[in-house]
Amino acid sequence: MFGRDRDDDTYRRRRRIPALPGALRQLVGSLTRPVPRVPAQRSGNPDAIVDCAVYIGGLRHGGAERMPFPEAARLARRRRGAFVWLGLHEPDLATMRPVAEVFGLHELLVEQAVAGGHRPGVETLGEVTRLVLRTARYVEHDRLTATSEVVETGDITVLVGPWFAITVRHGGVGPLWAVRQELQSRPEVLRQGPWAVAYAVGDRMVDSYLDVAEHVERDLERIEEETFAEVRTSEFAHIYQLKREMVEFKRAVLPLADPLARLLESSSALPAGLRPYLLDVRGRLARAVDRVASFDDLLNSILQARLAQVSVDQNHDMRKIASWAAIAAVPTVIAGIFGMNFEHLPGLDSPYGFAGSIAVMLLLGGGVHRRLKKAGWL
């Protein structure tokens, strides 16, 4: 209340507003308050452009500095055998619109490039070929638990045109700066044009698949050792977790084989000099596919073995419980007989009755224990 009256007095002195009745005074005060400024929205995401360069004759033009992509596009069109490699990371629609105008991209390609999570594939729209690959990275962990993240994935879209290659990466996995540096050290490959970028990206992705497969194989070996160890825990939720992570890894690796084969068989724009390199990539991808498929089979076998072990352990525990119940039944029967309220029971008045009853209990109980232990129930 005091704060509101103080604000009203301030505005009345500032605007020279006379004292007004309650509701009217509040209405006039609200109208005379300054309107807060709304911050202007950004017209794009400048951080989305990772690098942009023109390559002429297998060499980067202009040094290591990043060129503005409109200038790079004008230079590549003027020079014969030149192409632009524009690298983007999670661009928004405002960033992709000027890129689409400069490079002549279809609106569908722009929408697909902005959105992530695509399945591996290849398609051609006009003069532009769109190649989608999934990225994969092994997440280091001390031990596998029911919530451990084993494989982290993302995706990369490569748009290959007659004089440009645009790579759009989504997710924190698979940065392409190392791919660019390695490709720049191989001018004989860069001379093949924009498709050299597609080859280099695919080559690095397949290498990452094989690297992840090696680490996952170590996890599987540890799980296998734990499963068949003499002392093991009853927990096996981490096996299900690894199986879920392998499903994500399979979605990255397995679907790439078909589009890569179609690219090699039907693409007329693919330079002849790059076909041997892409055939090598396809061969290593086949190895990765075989390893991932074998991991899935091995995980199923480990899981079935673990479930069988749990069933056997439960059956063994039930036999132990039944055996001790049979041993405990012997003294229970004897004590129950002598506990009946009858005046005439054999040995009831004997001074050796109690000792005799205990001896009979021990003798019969020991005999039952020996028989059950010999049968393997104890």
Protein backbone atom coordinates (compact mmCIF):
# COMPACT_ATOMS: atom_id res chain seq x y z
CA MET A 1 0.00 0.00 0.00
CA PHE A 2 2.74 2.49 0.98
CA GLY A 3 4.80 1.63 -2.10
CA ARG A 4 1.82 2.07 -4.41
CA ASP A 5 0.98 5.52 -2.91
CA ARG A 6 4.60 6.59 -3.30
CA ASP A 7 4.62 5.59 -7.00
CA ASP A 8 1.35 7.46 -7.60
CA ASP A 9 2.76 10.63 -6.05
CA THR A 10 5.88 10.32 -8.21
CA TYR A 11 3.87 10.03 -11.45
CA ARG A 12 1.56 12.86 -10.39
CA ARG A 13 4.50 15.20 -9.85
CA ARG A 14 6.14 14.09 -13.10
CA ARG A 15 2.98 14.52 -15.24
CA ARG A 16 1.40 17.23 -13.06
CA ILE A 17 -1.68 15.08 -12.55
CA PRO A 18 -4.05 16.48 -9.93
CA ALA A 19 -5.38 14.29 -7.16
CA LEU A 20 -8.08 12.05 -8.57
CA PRO A 21 -10.44 9.55 -7.03
CA GLY A 22 -9.04 6.06 -6.38
CA ALA A 23 -9.86 3.94 -9.50
CA LEU A 24 -9.49 6.84 -11.96
CA ARG A 25 -6.14 7.78 -10.47
CA GLN A 26 -4.82 4.22 -10.91
CA LEU A 27 -6.04 4.13 -14.54
CA VAL A 28 -4.34 7.41 -15.45
CA GLY A 29 -1.14 6.32 -13.68
CA SER A 30 -0.99 3.06 -15.64
CA LEU A 31 -1.43 4.91 -18.93
CA THR A 32 1.38 7.35 -18.17
CA ARG A 33 3.93 4.71 -17.15
CA PRO A 34 6.74 4.21 -19.72
CA VAL A 35 6.26 1.19 -21.96
CA PRO A 36 9.11 -1.35 -21.61
CA ARG A 37 11.19 -1.89 -24.73
CA VAL A 38 10.87 -5.29 -26.38
CA PRO A 39 14.26 -6.62 -27.48
CA ALA A 40 14.53 -7.16 -31.20
CA GLN A 41 14.71 -10.78 -32.32
CA ARG A 42 17.90 -12.00 -33.97
CA SER A 43 17.78 -12.35 -37.71
CA GLY A 44 19.91 -15.51 -37.54
CA ASN A 45 22.44 -17.51 -35.59
CA PRO A 46 25.92 -16.29 -36.59
CA ASP A 47 27.58 -18.99 -34.46
CA ALA A 48 26.03 -21.65 -36.69
CA ILE A 49 28.60 -20.97 -39.43
CA VAL A 50 31.64 -22.96 -38.35
CA ASP A 51 33.82 -22.47 -41.43
CA CYS A 52 33.58 -21.47 -45.07
CA ALA A 53 36.31 -21.78 -47.67
CA VAL A 54 36.89 -22.00 -51.41
CA TYR A 55 39.06 -24.82 -52.76
CA ILE A 56 40.77 -24.39 -56.12
CA GLY A 57 42.86 -27.16 -57.61
CA GLY A 58 42.90 -29.08 -54.33
CA LEU A 59 44.13 -26.13 -52.23
CA ARG A 60 42.33 -23.78 -49.88
CA HIS A 61 42.08 -20.26 -51.25
CA GLY A 62 42.86 -17.27 -49.02
CA GLY A 63 44.54 -19.05 -46.12
CA ALA A 64 42.90 -20.35 -42.97
CA GLU A 65 40.54 -17.41 -42.46
CA ARG A 66 36.81 -18.00 -42.89
CA MET A 67 35.28 -16.32 -45.92
CA PRO A 68 31.74 -14.89 -46.00
CA PHE A 69 29.70 -17.44 -47.92
CA PRO A 70 28.27 -14.91 -50.49
CA GLU A 71 31.81 -13.89 -51.42
CA ALA A 72 32.93 -17.52 -51.50
CA ALA A 73 30.02 -18.42 -53.79
CA ARG A 74 30.87 -15.61 -56.23
CA LEU A 75 34.52 -16.68 -56.34
CA ALA A 76 33.70 -20.37 -56.86
CA ARG A 77 31.39 -19.57 -59.77
CA ARG A 78 33.99 -17.45 -61.49
CA ARG A 79 36.86 -19.97 -61.17
CA ARG A 80 36.85 -23.23 -63.09
CA GLY A 81 37.30 -26.32 -60.91
CA ALA A 82 36.60 -24.38 -57.69
CA PHE A 83 34.00 -25.25 -55.05
CA VAL A 84 32.80 -23.95 -51.68
CA TRP A 85 32.69 -25.97 -48.48
CA LEU A 86 30.34 -24.32 -45.98
CA GLY A 87 30.19 -25.95 -42.53
CA LEU A 88 27.15 -25.30 -40.30
CA HIS A 89 26.26 -26.47 -36.80
CA GLU A 90 22.59 -26.52 -35.80
CA PRO A 91 21.52 -23.55 -37.93
CA ASP A 92 18.08 -22.02 -37.50
CA LEU A 93 15.70 -21.12 -40.30
CA ALA A 94 16.80 -17.48 -40.31
CA THR A 95 20.40 -18.57 -40.90
CA MET A 96 19.51 -21.06 -43.64
CA ARG A 97 17.37 -18.69 -45.72
CA PRO A 98 20.26 -16.51 -47.00
CA VAL A 99 22.31 -19.69 -47.52
CA ALA A 100 19.48 -21.11 -49.63
CA GLU A 101 19.31 -17.93 -51.69
CA VAL A 102 23.03 -17.88 -52.40
CA PHE A 103 23.37 -21.59 -53.21
CA GLY A 104 19.95 -22.07 -54.82
CA LEU A 105 18.63 -24.69 -52.39
CA HIS A 106 15.07 -25.97 -52.54
CA GLU A 107 12.86 -25.08 -49.58
CA LEU A 108 12.44 -28.76 -48.70
CA LEU A 109 16.21 -29.14 -48.39
CA VAL A 110 16.27 -26.10 -46.11
CA GLU A 111 13.54 -27.49 -43.83
CA GLN A 112 15.24 -30.88 -43.65
CA ALA A 113 18.61 -29.31 -42.89
CA VAL A 114 17.23 -27.21 -40.03
CA ALA A 115 15.55 -30.21 -38.36
CA GLY A 116 17.75 -32.93 -36.87
CA GLY A 117 17.26 -36.61 -36.11
CA HIS A 118 17.01 -37.89 -39.68
CA ARG A 119 17.53 -41.49 -40.74
CA PRO A 120 20.60 -42.23 -42.91
CA GLY A 121 19.74 -41.93 -46.58
CA VAL A 122 20.51 -40.31 -49.91
CA GLU A 123 18.24 -38.43 -52.32
CA THR A 124 18.66 -36.08 -55.26
CA LEU A 125 16.58 -32.96 -55.79
CA GLY A 126 17.49 -31.13 -58.95
CA GLU A 127 21.25 -30.70 -59.09
CA VAL A 128 21.69 -31.12 -55.32
CA THR A 129 22.22 -34.49 -53.63
CA ARG A 130 21.35 -34.80 -49.95
CA LEU A 131 23.32 -37.39 -47.96
CA VAL A 132 22.41 -38.01 -44.32
CA LEU A 133 24.74 -39.83 -41.92
CA ARG A 134 24.39 -40.54 -38.22
CA THR A 135 27.23 -39.62 -35.89
CA ALA A 136 28.24 -41.85 -32.99
CA ARG A 137 30.53 -41.45 -30.00
CA TYR A 138 31.36 -43.82 -27.13
CA VAL A 139 30.69 -42.32 -23.70
CA GLU A 140 33.38 -43.28 -21.20
CA HIS A 141 32.18 -44.75 -17.88
CA ASP A 142 33.81 -46.51 -14.93
CA ARG A 143 31.20 -49.26 -14.76
CA LEU A 144 28.03 -50.08 -16.61
CA THR A 145 24.86 -49.36 -14.61
CA ALA A 146 21.14 -49.39 -15.29
CA THR A 147 21.30 -45.72 -16.36
CA SER A 148 24.69 -45.50 -18.08
CA GLU A 149 24.86 -43.74 -21.44
CA VAL A 150 27.09 -45.83 -23.67
CA VAL A 151 26.60 -44.37 -27.15
CA GLU A 152 25.78 -40.75 -27.99
CA THR A 153 24.49 -40.03 -31.49
CA GLY A 154 23.67 -37.09 -33.74
CA ASP A 155 23.39 -36.55 -37.48
CA ILE A 156 25.15 -34.80 -40.35
CA THR A 157 23.51 -33.69 -43.59
CA VAL A 158 25.78 -33.18 -46.60
CA LEU A 159 24.32 -31.15 -49.47
CA VAL A 160 26.43 -31.68 -52.60
CA GLY A 161 25.93 -29.41 -55.60
CA PRO A 162 27.87 -28.79 -58.81
CA TRP A 163 30.15 -26.18 -57.18
CA PHE A 164 29.50 -26.45 -53.44
CA ALA A 165 29.26 -28.79 -50.46
CA ILE A 166 27.32 -27.78 -47.36
CA THR A 167 27.61 -29.83 -44.17
CA VAL A 168 24.96 -29.35 -41.47
CA ARG A 169 25.68 -31.03 -38.15
CA HIS A 170 23.17 -31.58 -35.33
CA GLY A 171 24.24 -32.61 -31.85
CA GLY A 172 27.50 -32.36 -30.00
CA VAL A 173 28.93 -35.48 -31.63
CA GLY A 174 31.09 -35.58 -34.73
CA PRO A 175 32.79 -32.17 -35.15
CA LEU A 176 34.17 -31.84 -38.66
CA TRP A 177 37.19 -29.61 -38.09
CA ALA A 178 39.46 -32.68 -38.04
CA VAL A 179 37.85 -33.92 -41.26
CA ARG A 180 38.54 -30.58 -42.94
CA GLN A 181 42.16 -30.53 -41.77
CA GLU A 182 42.77 -34.07 -42.97
CA LEU A 183 41.12 -33.46 -46.33
CA GLN A 184 43.12 -30.27 -46.87
CA SER A 185 46.27 -32.36 -46.46
CA ARG A 186 45.14 -34.54 -49.41
CA PRO A 187 44.95 -32.21 -52.41
CA GLU A 188 44.64 -35.13 -54.82
CA VAL A 189 41.29 -35.98 -53.21
CA LEU A 190 40.14 -32.36 -53.00
CA ARG A 191 40.66 -32.00 -56.75
CA GLN A 192 37.72 -34.37 -57.22
CA GLY A 193 35.35 -31.53 -56.29
CA PRO A 194 32.46 -31.26 -53.79
CA TRP A 195 31.97 -35.03 -53.62
CA ALA A 196 35.35 -35.24 -51.89
CA VAL A 197 33.68 -33.63 -48.86
CA ALA A 198 30.93 -36.27 -48.86
CA TYR A 199 33.57 -39.01 -49.04
CA ALA A 200 35.66 -37.50 -46.21
CA VAL A 201 32.64 -37.12 -43.92
CA GLY A 202 31.43 -40.67 -44.64
CA ASP A 203 34.94 -42.04 -44.10
CA ARG A 204 35.18 -40.36 -40.70
CA MET A 205 31.73 -41.57 -39.65
CA VAL A 206 32.57 -45.19 -40.51
CA ASP A 207 35.83 -44.88 -38.56
CA SER A 208 33.84 -43.65 -35.56
CA TYR A 209 31.49 -46.64 -35.88
CA LEU A 210 34.42 -49.04 -35.73
CA ASP A 211 35.90 -47.16 -32.77
CA VAL A 212 32.61 -47.32 -30.86
CA ALA A 213 32.33 -51.01 -31.71
CA GLU A 214 35.74 -51.72 -30.14
CA HIS A 215 34.77 -50.00 -26.88
CA VAL A 216 31.38 -51.73 -26.78
CA GLU A 217 33.12 -55.06 -27.30
CA ARG A 218 35.11 -54.45 -24.11
CA ASP A 219 31.89 -53.73 -22.22
CA LEU A 220 30.45 -56.99 -23.52
CA GLU A 221 33.54 -58.90 -22.40
CA ARG A 222 33.21 -57.45 -18.88
CA ILE A 223 29.51 -58.35 -18.75
CA GLU A 224 30.30 -61.87 -19.95
CA GLU A 225 32.93 -62.28 -17.24
CA GLU A 226 30.50 -61.04 -14.59
CA THR A 227 27.76 -63.36 -15.84
CA PHE A 228 29.85 -66.52 -15.61
CA ALA A 229 31.86 -65.61 -12.52
CA GLU A 230 31.62 -67.78 -9.40
CA VAL A 231 30.46 -64.83 -7.30
CA ARG A 232 27.91 -62.69 -9.13
CA THR A 233 25.21 -60.23 -8.22
CA SER A 234 21.52 -60.69 -8.84
CA GLU A 235 21.28 -57.42 -10.78
CA PHE A 236 21.16 -57.54 -14.55
CA ALA A 237 19.38 -54.29 -15.42
CA HIS A 238 22.66 -52.99 -16.88
CA ILE A 239 22.39 -55.68 -19.56
CA TYR A 240 19.03 -54.26 -20.63
CA GLN A 241 20.55 -50.76 -20.62
CA LEU A 242 23.38 -51.85 -22.93
CA LYS A 243 20.84 -53.54 -25.16
CA ARG A 244 18.88 -50.28 -25.43
CA GLU A 245 22.07 -48.40 -26.27
CA MET A 246 22.86 -50.97 -28.95
CA VAL A 247 19.47 -50.31 -30.54
CA GLU A 248 20.44 -46.65 -30.89
CA PHE A 249 23.83 -47.63 -32.31
CA LYS A 250 22.20 -49.98 -34.82
CA ARG A 251 19.94 -47.16 -36.03
CA ALA A 252 23.07 -45.18 -36.85
CA VAL A 253 25.07 -47.92 -38.58
CA LEU A 254 22.77 -50.42 -40.29
CA PRO A 255 20.61 -48.10 -42.46
CA LEU A 256 23.66 -46.49 -44.12
CA ALA A 257 24.59 -49.56 -46.16
CA ASP A 258 21.70 -49.28 -48.62
CA PRO A 259 22.06 -45.55 -49.52
CA LEU A 260 25.82 -45.94 -49.91
CA ALA A 261 25.31 -48.84 -52.31
CA ARG A 262 22.73 -46.86 -54.31
CA LEU A 263 25.09 -43.90 -54.45
CA LEU A 264 27.85 -46.04 -55.92
CA GLU A 265 25.58 -47.75 -58.42
CA SER A 266 23.33 -44.99 -59.73
CA SER A 267 24.90 -41.58 -59.13
CA SER A 268 26.20 -40.13 -62.40
CA ALA A 269 27.57 -37.03 -60.67
CA LEU A 270 30.01 -39.06 -58.58
CA PRO A 271 33.57 -38.59 -59.93
CA ALA A 272 35.26 -41.74 -61.13
CA GLY A 273 38.34 -40.94 -59.06
CA LEU A 274 36.35 -41.16 -55.82
CA ARG A 275 34.73 -44.54 -56.48
CA PRO A 276 37.69 -46.60 -55.15
CA TYR A 277 37.66 -44.53 -51.95
CA LEU A 278 33.91 -44.97 -51.50
CA LEU A 279 34.22 -48.70 -52.16
CA ASP A 280 36.72 -48.84 -49.30
CA VAL A 281 34.25 -46.96 -47.09
CA ARG A 282 31.52 -49.44 -48.01
CA GLY A 283 33.78 -52.36 -47.14
CA ARG A 284 34.61 -50.96 -43.71
CA LEU A 285 30.94 -50.15 -43.15
CA ALA A 286 30.12 -53.81 -43.85
CA ARG A 287 32.59 -54.77 -41.11
CA ALA A 288 30.91 -52.37 -38.70
CA VAL A 289 27.47 -53.76 -39.59
CA ASP A 290 28.65 -57.34 -38.98
CA ARG A 291 30.14 -56.40 -35.61
CA VAL A 292 27.00 -54.59 -34.47
CA ALA A 293 24.85 -57.55 -35.52
CA SER A 294 27.13 -59.93 -33.62
CA PHE A 295 26.91 -57.69 -30.54
CA ASP A 296 23.15 -57.97 -30.61
CA ASP A 297 23.31 -61.78 -30.81
CA LEU A 298 25.90 -61.92 -28.02
CA LEU A 299 23.80 -59.67 -25.79
CA ASN A 300 20.77 -61.88 -26.33
CA SER A 301 22.84 -64.95 -25.42
CA ILE A 302 24.22 -63.30 -22.27
CA LEU A 303 20.76 -62.16 -21.25
CA GLN A 304 19.27 -65.63 -21.76
CA ALA A 305 22.14 -67.20 -19.81
CA ARG A 306 21.66 -64.72 -16.97
CA LEU A 307 17.93 -65.41 -16.81
CA ALA A 308 18.63 -69.15 -16.78
CA GLN A 309 21.10 -68.64 -13.92
CA VAL A 310 18.51 -66.72 -11.94
CA SER A 311 15.99 -69.52 -12.49
CA VAL A 312 18.54 -72.15 -11.39
CA ASP A 313 19.49 -70.12 -8.31
CA GLN A 314 15.84 -69.74 -7.33
CA ASN A 315 15.27 -73.47 -7.77
CA HIS A 316 18.35 -74.22 -5.64
CA ASP A 317 17.12 -71.90 -2.90
CA MET A 318 13.71 -73.55 -2.90
CA ARG A 319 15.32 -76.99 -2.51
CA LYS A 320 17.34 -75.72 0.46
CA ILE A 321 14.23 -74.30 2.09
CA ALA A 322 12.33 -77.56 1.54
CA SER A 323 15.25 -79.60 2.92
CA TRP A 324 15.49 -77.62 6.15
CA ALA A 325 11.72 -77.74 6.51
CA ALA A 326 11.89 -81.56 6.29
CA ILE A 327 14.66 -81.66 8.94
CA ALA A 328 12.66 -79.35 11.23
CA ALA A 329 9.58 -81.56 10.81
CA VAL A 330 11.25 -84.45 12.67
CA PRO A 331 11.55 -82.80 16.13
CA THR A 332 8.22 -81.07 15.56
CA VAL A 333 6.43 -84.41 15.19
CA ILE A 334 8.13 -85.94 18.24
CA ALA A 335 7.51 -82.89 20.41
CA GLY A 336 3.91 -82.76 19.23
CA ILE A 337 3.28 -86.36 20.25
CA PHE A 338 4.71 -85.97 23.75
CA GLY A 339 2.94 -82.66 24.15
CA MET A 340 -0.53 -84.25 23.96
CA ASN A 341 -2.58 -84.15 27.14
CA PHE A 342 -2.79 -87.88 27.86
CA GLU A 343 -2.06 -89.49 31.20
CA HIS A 344 -0.56 -92.67 29.80
CA LEU A 345 2.23 -92.09 27.27
CA PRO A 346 5.21 -94.42 26.87
CA GLY A 347 8.22 -93.06 28.71
CA LEU A 348 6.32 -90.12 30.14
CA ASP A 349 7.22 -91.04 33.73
CA SER A 350 10.68 -92.33 32.89
CA PRO A 351 13.67 -90.31 34.19
CA TYR A 352 15.32 -90.84 30.78
CA GLY A 353 12.31 -89.73 28.69
CA PHE A 354 13.54 -86.24 27.90
CA ALA A 355 17.07 -87.36 27.04
CA GLY A 356 15.69 -90.18 24.92
CA SER A 357 13.41 -87.83 23.02
CA ILE A 358 16.30 -85.45 22.25
CA ALA A 359 18.47 -88.36 21.11
CA VAL A 360 15.77 -89.63 18.77
CA MET A 361 15.28 -86.13 17.35
CA LEU A 362 19.00 -85.72 16.66
CA LEU A 363 19.32 -89.20 15.20
CA LEU A 364 16.38 -88.89 12.81
CA GLY A 365 17.21 -85.26 11.91
CA GLY A 366 20.83 -86.19 11.20
CA GLY A 367 19.71 -89.07 9.01
CA VAL A 368 17.41 -86.81 6.97
CA HIS A 369 20.18 -84.17 6.63
CA ARG A 370 22.66 -86.79 5.41
CA ARG A 371 20.20 -88.17 2.87
CA LEU A 372 19.34 -84.73 1.48
CA LYS A 373 22.98 -83.65 1.34
CA LYS A 374 23.85 -86.81 -0.55
CA ALA A 375 21.05 -86.02 -3.04
CA GLY A 376 22.50 -82.53 -3.61
CA TRP A 377 19.69 -80.55 -1.99
CA LEU A 378 21.95 -79.13 0.72
